[in-house]
Amino acid sequence: MDDPDQARRAKQTETAKLRLAQTRIVLVEPAGPLNLGAVARVMKNMGLQQLFLVNPQCDPRGLEAQRMAVHAQDILAAAISVATLPEALIDCQSVVPPRLVLAICRSILSHPDKFCPACWTNPQLWSLGQRIEA
């Protein structure tokens, strides 16, 4: 008989992978091929696949970008170049601008006890893989 917790975790993992596969990363006027390659590498590491480039100022298929991408050259090869931001956002259900992401991260880092109070009162929850009920 299968472990119900293991089956639940497997389903959650699969759902998370599907959500990541549907997440679109949009870069506006990327100018540096090394940065572009680094973004592709991070995307690959995180399970992200969709890269849109708005009016790119460098070649995503160029040697520098490819070298920096290391194992994520497929992300660069599949990158879609468009002329405008609205073109890149077609079919997107929601958009999270980078400034909002930075504000959220700063808030969490400045006040981690407010972000997850249970983490500070229950040290046994600090280990990876534990479910936190705050």
Protein backbone atom coordinates (compact mmCIF):
# COMPACT_ATOMS: atom_id res chain seq x y z
CA MET A 1 0.00 0.00 0.00
CA ASP A 2 1.36 3.43 -0.96
CA ASP A 3 2.10 6.08 1.65
CA PRO A 4 -0.62 8.80 1.34
CA ASP A 5 1.83 11.54 2.41
CA GLN A 6 4.27 10.47 -0.28
CA ALA A 7 1.51 10.50 -2.91
CA ARG A 8 0.39 13.96 -1.75
CA ARG A 9 3.95 15.30 -1.91
CA ALA A 10 4.44 13.83 -5.38
CA LYS A 11 1.25 15.52 -6.58
CA GLN A 12 2.33 18.86 -5.06
CA THR A 13 5.72 18.57 -6.74
CA GLU A 14 4.13 17.83 -10.10
CA THR A 15 1.74 20.78 -9.72
CA ALA A 16 4.65 23.09 -8.84
CA LYS A 17 6.59 21.91 -11.91
CA LEU A 18 3.60 22.61 -14.15
CA ARG A 19 3.23 26.12 -12.72
CA LEU A 20 6.91 26.85 -13.24
CA ALA A 21 6.73 25.57 -16.81
CA GLN A 22 3.91 28.05 -17.45
CA THR A 23 5.78 30.99 -15.92
CA ARG A 24 7.15 33.45 -18.45
CA ILE A 25 10.29 35.49 -17.82
CA VAL A 26 10.37 38.73 -19.80
CA LEU A 27 13.52 40.80 -20.18
CA VAL A 28 13.18 44.29 -21.66
CA GLU A 29 16.03 45.41 -23.89
CA PRO A 30 18.66 43.06 -22.48
CA ALA A 31 22.04 44.52 -23.44
CA GLY A 32 24.64 42.13 -22.03
CA PRO A 33 25.10 38.66 -23.49
CA LEU A 34 26.74 37.44 -20.26
CA ASN A 35 23.73 38.58 -18.24
CA LEU A 36 21.41 36.93 -20.71
CA GLY A 37 23.30 33.65 -20.42
CA ALA A 38 23.24 33.90 -16.62
CA VAL A 39 19.46 34.46 -16.64
CA ALA A 40 19.02 31.38 -18.83
CA ARG A 41 21.15 29.32 -16.45
CA VAL A 42 19.15 30.43 -13.41
CA MET A 43 15.91 29.74 -15.25
CA LYS A 44 17.04 26.20 -16.08
CA ASN A 45 18.08 25.59 -12.47
CA MET A 46 14.67 26.74 -11.24
CA GLY A 47 12.64 24.78 -13.80
CA LEU A 48 11.57 27.82 -15.83
CA GLN A 49 11.43 27.46 -19.61
CA GLN A 50 9.76 30.46 -21.25
CA LEU A 51 12.08 33.38 -21.99
CA PHE A 52 10.77 36.41 -23.88
CA LEU A 53 13.13 39.18 -24.97
CA VAL A 54 11.72 42.63 -25.75
CA ASN A 55 13.86 44.45 -28.30
CA PRO A 56 17.08 42.61 -27.33
CA GLN A 57 20.28 44.61 -27.69
CA CYS A 58 22.46 41.50 -27.84
CA ASP A 59 22.30 38.13 -29.56
CA PRO A 60 20.90 35.38 -27.31
CA ARG A 61 22.46 32.84 -29.66
CA GLY A 62 25.88 34.53 -29.58
CA LEU A 63 28.95 32.81 -28.23
CA GLU A 64 29.20 34.82 -24.98
CA ALA A 65 25.57 34.20 -24.02
CA GLN A 66 25.88 30.50 -24.90
CA ARG A 67 29.04 30.06 -22.82
CA MET A 68 27.51 31.77 -19.81
CA ALA A 69 24.34 29.69 -20.12
CA VAL A 70 26.43 26.51 -19.68
CA HIS A 71 23.73 23.78 -19.51
CA ALA A 72 20.85 26.16 -20.39
CA GLN A 73 21.62 26.77 -24.04
CA ASP A 74 18.22 25.29 -24.89
CA ILE A 75 16.55 28.17 -23.00
CA LEU A 76 18.43 30.69 -25.16
CA ALA A 77 17.68 28.76 -28.34
CA ALA A 78 13.96 28.77 -27.54
CA ALA A 79 13.88 32.44 -26.46
CA ILE A 80 11.23 34.46 -28.26
CA SER A 81 12.16 37.98 -29.36
CA VAL A 82 9.41 40.57 -29.70
CA ALA A 83 9.41 44.30 -30.40
CA THR A 84 7.22 45.54 -27.53
CA LEU A 85 6.32 44.66 -23.95
CA PRO A 86 2.59 44.18 -24.74
CA GLU A 87 3.61 41.53 -27.31
CA ALA A 88 5.59 39.68 -24.63
CA LEU A 89 2.65 39.77 -22.22
CA ILE A 90 0.03 38.38 -24.59
CA ASP A 91 -1.79 35.46 -22.92
CA CYS A 92 -0.34 36.24 -19.48
CA GLN A 93 -2.87 35.97 -16.66
CA SER A 94 -0.87 38.06 -14.19
CA VAL A 95 2.30 40.13 -14.19
CA VAL A 96 4.68 40.71 -11.28
CA PRO A 97 6.98 43.67 -11.92
CA PRO A 98 10.55 43.38 -10.60
CA ARG A 99 10.12 46.32 -8.21
CA LEU A 100 7.28 44.50 -6.45
CA VAL A 101 9.41 41.37 -6.14
CA LEU A 102 12.26 43.44 -4.66
CA ALA A 103 9.89 45.15 -2.22
CA ILE A 104 8.55 41.79 -1.04
CA CYS A 105 12.06 40.37 -0.64
CA ARG A 106 13.23 43.43 1.28
CA SER A 107 10.22 43.18 3.57
CA ILE A 108 10.86 39.51 4.27
CA LEU A 109 14.57 40.08 4.89
CA SER A 110 13.94 43.13 7.09
CA HIS A 111 11.25 41.46 9.20
CA PRO A 112 11.55 37.67 8.88
CA ASP A 113 9.77 37.18 12.20
CA LYS A 114 6.65 38.85 10.75
CA PHE A 115 6.81 36.80 7.56
CA CYS A 116 6.77 33.45 9.33
CA PRO A 117 6.27 33.76 13.10
CA ALA A 118 6.06 29.98 13.47
CA CYS A 119 9.63 29.69 12.18
CA TRP A 120 10.95 31.74 15.10
CA THR A 121 8.95 30.07 17.85
CA ASN A 122 9.43 26.47 16.62
CA PRO A 123 13.10 25.79 15.78
CA GLN A 124 12.23 22.17 14.87
CA LEU A 125 10.50 23.58 11.77
CA TRP A 126 13.79 25.00 10.46
CA SER A 127 14.86 21.76 8.83
CA LEU A 128 14.16 21.48 5.12
CA GLY A 129 11.10 19.58 4.06
CA GLN A 130 9.01 20.33 7.14
CA ARG A 131 5.53 21.67 6.65
CA ILE A 132 4.97 24.93 8.49
CA GLU A 133 1.54 25.70 9.89
CA ALA A 134 1.67 29.38 10.83
